[in-house]
């Protein structure tokens, strides 16, 4: 409870405030955020994640007396090749998908490239986004998934709880106000994708790479007036938003792309025994007993 409240209390409070505060207060806050420069907004939104990630690591290491490796993976060391492969896969899929969309109809997509501003965005994104995705992944797919799994003694309970909570974490995003609460299906679905990756691969490396690649592409490639982060990206969507059509497109893309991504990972890393890894029993960790030889 101490670790949970200290490392994620700010998000819990923000979600509660989002649901209890009057709509006019929420709208005023959104207007203030939009009035800020994109650089200032990016820094203000992402810097807190660096402090919270450091706090989570300190609590796990000192309060729980656990190594950060045990929070990351079941392997003897972090597999950075997995991180890079997952990162490259989502970047490639995003670029291909955007390229097809742009070639089909580019009338509502404006070239938005400004060399100086984009360079600043690129540098800040490479520095700050690893902290943001690091906190979300280590908190949900690392700390919560392991702690809930030990408490529930199974794998499906933490998968469901962490995926739903991951979606709720994004409930205050401007996209929800613009597209409606149906977009939560996308956020929760993404939580399930990342959770399945983690359980099947016995580590967070794939989830870390995927999440980082996804968020970097969201910041660098295309921005909209209702994005959670307003950035000086390469392109900007200028069309009048049809929330129903956009929501349907997002969910359809998710239902098609996510199974393909899992299939690629399953083939590359030879995943098997899906039922056991996603719904099986979690055994109580063995206690290390020091045996002295009196001979």
Protein backbone atom coordinates (compact mmCIF):
# COMPACT_ATOMS: atom_id res chain seq x y z
CA UNK A 1 0.00 0.00 0.00
CA UNK A 2 2.87 2.38 0.78
CA UNK A 3 4.51 1.74 -2.60
CA UNK A 4 1.20 2.01 -4.45
CA UNK A 5 0.16 5.30 -2.84
CA UNK A 6 3.54 6.97 -3.19
CA UNK A 7 4.25 5.91 -6.76
CA UNK A 8 0.79 6.16 -8.29
CA UNK A 9 -1.22 8.32 -5.85
CA UNK A 10 -1.02 11.35 -8.15
CA UNK A 11 -2.75 9.38 -10.92
CA UNK A 12 -5.43 8.06 -8.59
CA UNK A 13 -6.19 11.61 -7.40
CA UNK A 14 -6.27 12.98 -10.96
CA UNK A 15 -8.74 10.29 -12.09
CA UNK A 16 -11.00 10.96 -9.09
CA UNK A 17 -10.90 14.72 -9.75
CA UNK A 18 -11.71 14.14 -13.41
CA UNK A 19 -14.96 12.39 -12.47
CA UNK A 20 -16.02 14.65 -9.59
CA UNK A 21 -15.08 18.14 -10.79
CA UNK A 22 -17.64 20.16 -12.80
CA UNK A 23 -17.27 20.02 -16.59
CA UNK A 24 -16.48 23.74 -16.80
CA UNK A 25 -13.47 23.29 -14.51
CA UNK A 26 -12.18 20.42 -16.68
CA UNK A 27 -12.68 22.52 -19.82
CA UNK A 28 -10.83 25.48 -18.27
CA UNK A 29 -7.92 23.23 -17.36
CA UNK A 30 -7.83 21.89 -20.92
CA UNK A 31 -7.85 25.42 -22.34
CA UNK A 32 -4.94 26.41 -20.09
CA UNK A 33 -3.00 23.37 -21.25
CA UNK A 34 -3.65 24.22 -24.91
CA UNK A 35 -2.48 27.80 -24.38
CA UNK A 36 0.98 26.58 -23.35
CA UNK A 37 3.74 26.07 -25.89
CA UNK A 38 4.13 22.51 -27.09
CA UNK A 39 7.60 22.29 -25.57
CA UNK A 40 6.48 23.54 -22.16
CA UNK A 41 3.48 21.22 -22.23
CA UNK A 42 5.66 18.22 -23.09
CA UNK A 43 8.10 18.94 -20.26
CA UNK A 44 5.35 19.65 -17.73
CA UNK A 45 3.55 16.43 -18.59
CA UNK A 46 6.54 14.09 -18.72
CA UNK A 47 9.07 15.28 -16.13
CA UNK A 48 6.97 14.03 -13.15
CA UNK A 49 7.26 10.50 -14.54
CA UNK A 50 11.03 10.60 -14.05
CA UNK A 51 10.70 11.39 -10.34
CA UNK A 52 7.95 8.80 -9.83
CA UNK A 53 9.90 6.08 -11.64
CA UNK A 54 12.92 6.79 -9.46
CA UNK A 55 10.70 6.67 -6.38
CA UNK A 56 9.22 3.32 -7.45
CA UNK A 57 12.70 1.87 -7.94
CA UNK A 58 13.82 3.11 -4.51
CA UNK A 59 10.77 1.63 -2.81
CA UNK A 60 11.13 -1.74 -4.53
CA UNK A 61 14.85 -1.91 -3.78
CA UNK A 62 14.79 -0.64 -0.19
CA UNK A 63 11.29 -1.31 1.16
CA UNK A 64 10.65 -4.63 -0.61
CA UNK A 65 14.34 -5.58 -0.68
CA UNK A 66 14.08 -6.75 -4.27
CA UNK A 67 16.35 -6.30 -7.27
CA UNK A 68 15.19 -4.23 -10.22
CA UNK A 69 16.07 -7.20 -12.45
CA UNK A 70 13.43 -9.32 -10.70
CA UNK A 71 10.89 -6.60 -11.43
CA UNK A 72 11.86 -6.56 -15.12
CA UNK A 73 12.33 -10.14 -16.27
CA UNK A 74 12.70 -13.77 -15.23
CA UNK A 75 15.89 -14.00 -17.30
CA UNK A 76 19.34 -13.71 -15.77
CA UNK A 77 19.75 -10.30 -17.43
CA UNK A 78 17.61 -7.82 -19.34
CA UNK A 79 17.32 -8.85 -23.01
CA UNK A 80 17.82 -5.55 -24.87
CA UNK A 81 17.47 -7.33 -28.22
CA UNK A 82 13.85 -8.00 -27.32
CA UNK A 83 13.31 -4.33 -26.49
CA UNK A 84 14.82 -3.19 -29.79
CA UNK A 85 12.90 -5.77 -31.83
CA UNK A 86 9.56 -4.82 -30.27
CA UNK A 87 10.37 -1.12 -30.69
CA UNK A 88 11.28 -1.59 -34.34
CA UNK A 89 8.18 -3.69 -35.06
CA UNK A 90 5.67 -1.11 -33.80
CA UNK A 91 7.56 1.75 -35.49
CA UNK A 92 7.54 -0.15 -38.79
CA UNK A 93 3.85 -1.06 -38.52
CA UNK A 94 2.94 2.54 -37.64
CA UNK A 95 4.91 3.99 -40.57
CA UNK A 96 3.45 1.46 -43.04
CA UNK A 97 -0.08 2.09 -41.77
CA UNK A 98 0.36 5.86 -41.96
CA UNK A 99 1.95 5.62 -45.41
CA UNK A 100 -1.02 3.66 -46.76
CA UNK A 101 -3.47 6.13 -45.19
CA UNK A 102 -1.56 9.13 -46.55
CA UNK A 103 -1.31 7.64 -50.04
CA UNK A 104 -5.02 6.84 -50.03
CA UNK A 105 -6.20 10.30 -48.94
CA UNK A 106 -3.90 13.08 -47.77
CA UNK A 107 -6.42 15.91 -48.08
CA UNK A 108 -6.83 16.30 -44.32
CA UNK A 109 -3.19 15.63 -43.34
CA UNK A 110 -0.92 18.69 -43.42
CA UNK A 111 2.88 18.65 -43.62
CA UNK A 112 3.83 20.32 -40.35
CA UNK A 113 7.64 20.00 -40.32
CA UNK A 114 9.52 22.91 -38.71
CA UNK A 115 13.21 21.96 -38.42
CA UNK A 116 14.09 23.76 -35.18
CA UNK A 117 10.90 22.87 -33.31
CA UNK A 118 10.98 19.27 -34.51
CA UNK A 119 14.60 18.87 -33.42
CA UNK A 120 13.70 20.12 -29.94
CA UNK A 121 10.72 17.74 -29.89
CA UNK A 122 12.90 14.81 -30.99
CA UNK A 123 15.54 15.44 -28.32
CA UNK A 124 13.00 15.94 -25.52
CA UNK A 125 11.04 12.87 -26.62
CA UNK A 126 14.12 10.63 -26.62
CA UNK A 127 15.02 11.88 -23.13
CA UNK A 128 11.60 12.02 -21.45
CA UNK A 129 9.41 9.31 -23.00
CA UNK A 130 11.54 6.44 -21.63
CA UNK A 131 10.68 7.71 -18.13
CA UNK A 132 6.97 7.92 -18.93
CA UNK A 133 6.66 4.47 -20.46
CA UNK A 134 9.10 3.13 -17.86
CA UNK A 135 6.85 4.18 -14.99
CA UNK A 136 3.69 2.85 -16.63
CA UNK A 137 5.27 -0.48 -17.52
CA UNK A 138 7.16 -1.04 -14.27
CA UNK A 139 4.10 -0.01 -12.28
CA UNK A 140 1.49 -2.07 -14.15
CA UNK A 141 3.29 -4.93 -15.93
CA UNK A 142 6.01 -5.15 -13.28
CA UNK A 143 5.04 -4.23 -9.73
CA UNK A 144 1.23 -4.57 -9.80
CA UNK A 145 1.18 -7.69 -11.98
CA UNK A 146 3.65 -9.51 -9.70
CA UNK A 147 2.13 -8.36 -6.40
CA UNK A 148 -1.46 -9.11 -7.46
CA UNK A 149 -0.38 -12.45 -8.92
CA UNK A 150 1.24 -13.48 -5.63
CA UNK A 151 -1.84 -12.38 -3.68
CA UNK A 152 -4.38 -14.00 -6.03
CA UNK A 153 -2.19 -17.09 -6.65
CA UNK A 154 -3.07 -17.06 -10.37
CA UNK A 155 -2.13 -15.25 -13.58
CA UNK A 156 -5.49 -14.21 -15.03
CA UNK A 157 -6.47 -11.95 -12.13
CA UNK A 158 -3.45 -9.61 -12.45
CA UNK A 159 -3.84 -9.61 -16.24
CA UNK A 160 -7.43 -8.37 -16.00
CA UNK A 161 -6.89 -5.91 -13.14
CA UNK A 162 -3.74 -4.30 -14.54
CA UNK A 163 -5.23 -4.01 -18.05
CA UNK A 164 -8.42 -2.33 -16.82
CA UNK A 165 -6.50 -0.02 -14.47
CA UNK A 166 -4.11 0.86 -17.29
CA UNK A 167 -7.11 1.93 -19.35
CA UNK A 168 -8.56 3.96 -16.47
CA UNK A 169 -5.21 5.73 -16.11
CA UNK A 170 -5.91 7.32 -19.52
CA UNK A 171 -9.52 8.27 -18.77
CA UNK A 172 -8.59 11.93 -18.26
CA UNK A 173 -6.91 12.18 -21.68
CA UNK A 174 -8.42 14.75 -24.09
CA UNK A 175 -9.09 11.90 -26.55
CA UNK A 176 -11.73 10.54 -24.18
CA UNK A 177 -13.56 13.87 -24.10
CA UNK A 178 -13.40 14.15 -27.88
CA UNK A 179 -14.16 10.57 -28.90
CA UNK A 180 -16.25 9.45 -25.93
CA UNK A 181 -15.77 6.71 -23.39
CA UNK A 182 -15.82 4.12 -26.14
CA UNK A 183 -12.13 4.90 -26.67
CA UNK A 184 -11.50 3.22 -23.32
CA UNK A 185 -11.93 -0.07 -25.20
CA UNK A 186 -8.75 0.83 -27.10
CA UNK A 187 -6.79 1.76 -23.98
CA UNK A 188 -7.89 -1.33 -22.05
CA UNK A 189 -7.25 -3.49 -25.13
CA UNK A 190 -3.72 -2.09 -25.30
CA UNK A 191 -3.30 -2.95 -21.63
CA UNK A 192 -4.30 -6.55 -22.38
CA UNK A 193 -1.84 -6.69 -25.29
CA UNK A 194 1.05 -5.50 -23.11
CA UNK A 195 -0.01 -7.81 -20.28
CA UNK A 196 -0.18 -10.85 -22.56
CA UNK A 197 3.27 -10.00 -23.93
CA UNK A 198 4.66 -9.87 -20.41
CA UNK A 199 3.10 -13.11 -19.19
CA UNK A 200 3.88 -15.12 -22.31
CA UNK A 201 7.46 -13.89 -22.56
CA UNK A 202 8.15 -14.05 -18.80
CA UNK A 203 9.49 -10.51 -18.85
CA UNK A 204 8.71 -6.88 -19.62
CA UNK A 205 11.21 -6.31 -22.45
CA UNK A 206 8.70 -6.62 -25.31
CA UNK A 207 6.17 -4.40 -23.54
CA UNK A 208 8.83 -1.74 -22.86
CA UNK A 209 9.92 -1.62 -26.49
CA UNK A 210 6.38 -1.64 -27.87
CA UNK A 211 5.14 1.09 -25.52
CA UNK A 212 8.13 3.35 -26.21
CA UNK A 213 7.85 2.96 -29.97
CA UNK A 214 4.11 3.60 -29.90
CA UNK A 215 4.39 6.77 -27.80
CA UNK A 216 7.30 8.17 -29.80
CA UNK A 217 5.40 7.70 -33.05
CA UNK A 218 2.33 9.35 -31.51
CA UNK A 219 4.45 12.38 -30.59
CA UNK A 220 6.70 12.64 -33.65
CA UNK A 221 4.54 11.55 -36.58
CA UNK A 222 1.05 13.05 -36.38
CA UNK A 223 -0.67 15.40 -33.97
CA UNK A 224 -4.27 16.56 -33.65
CA UNK A 225 -5.97 19.37 -31.78
CA UNK A 226 -7.32 16.89 -29.23
CA UNK A 227 -4.17 14.81 -28.62
CA UNK A 228 -3.08 14.29 -25.04
CA UNK A 229 0.21 15.97 -25.97
CA UNK A 230 0.26 18.79 -28.51
CA UNK A 231 3.54 18.44 -30.38
CA UNK A 232 5.41 19.96 -33.33
CA UNK A 233 5.21 16.68 -35.20
CA UNK A 234 5.91 15.98 -38.86
CA UNK A 235 2.23 15.96 -39.80
CA UNK A 236 -0.99 17.38 -38.42
CA UNK A 237 -4.51 16.10 -38.92
CA UNK A 238 -6.66 19.08 -39.93
CA UNK A 239 -9.97 17.47 -40.82
CA UNK A 240 -13.18 17.86 -38.86
CA UNK A 241 -13.25 15.01 -36.43
CA UNK A 242 -16.03 12.44 -36.69
CA UNK A 243 -15.76 10.79 -33.30
CA UNK A 244 -17.82 7.73 -34.24
CA UNK A 245 -15.80 6.99 -37.40
CA UNK A 246 -12.46 7.60 -35.67
CA UNK A 247 -13.42 5.38 -32.75
CA UNK A 248 -14.52 2.59 -35.08
CA UNK A 249 -11.27 2.88 -37.03
CA UNK A 250 -9.19 2.69 -33.83
CA UNK A 251 -10.99 -0.38 -32.51
CA UNK A 252 -10.95 -2.11 -35.92
CA UNK A 253 -7.21 -1.46 -36.29
CA UNK A 254 -6.67 -2.80 -32.77
CA UNK A 255 -8.61 -6.01 -33.47
CA UNK A 256 -6.57 -6.60 -36.62
CA UNK A 257 -3.10 -5.40 -35.62
CA UNK A 258 -2.83 -6.70 -32.06
CA UNK A 259 -3.36 -10.40 -32.90
CA UNK A 260 -0.82 -10.04 -35.74
CA UNK A 261 1.73 -8.54 -33.33
CA UNK A 262 1.20 -11.37 -30.84
CA UNK A 263 1.52 -13.91 -33.67
CA UNK A 264 4.86 -12.42 -34.75
CA UNK A 265 6.19 -12.49 -31.20
CA UNK A 266 4.89 -16.02 -30.65
CA UNK A 267 6.67 -17.30 -33.74
CA UNK A 268 9.94 -15.44 -33.06
CA UNK A 269 10.19 -16.38 -29.39
CA UNK A 270 8.50 -19.80 -29.65
CA UNK A 271 5.73 -19.15 -27.17
CA UNK A 272 3.75 -22.20 -26.12
CA UNK A 273 1.46 -23.39 -23.34
CA UNK A 274 -0.69 -20.25 -23.62
CA UNK A 275 -3.37 -21.46 -21.21
CA UNK A 276 -0.91 -22.13 -18.40
CA UNK A 277 0.99 -18.87 -18.85
CA UNK A 278 -2.14 -16.70 -19.03
CA UNK A 279 -4.39 -18.43 -16.50
CA UNK A 280 -2.18 -20.79 -14.52
CA UNK A 281 -1.43 -20.96 -10.81
CA UNK A 282 1.21 -18.72 -9.22
CA UNK A 283 3.16 -20.64 -6.62
CA UNK A 284 4.30 -19.00 -3.41
CA UNK A 285 7.96 -17.96 -3.75
CA UNK A 286 10.31 -20.41 -2.09
CA UNK A 287 12.10 -19.26 1.06
CA UNK A 288 15.87 -19.35 0.87
CA UNK A 289 17.17 -21.48 3.74
CA UNK A 290 20.82 -21.39 4.69
CA UNK A 291 22.06 -24.84 5.53
CA UNK A 292 25.23 -25.03 7.58
CA UNK A 293 27.60 -27.94 7.31
CA UNK A 294 28.91 -28.81 10.78
CA UNK A 295 31.38 -31.39 9.60
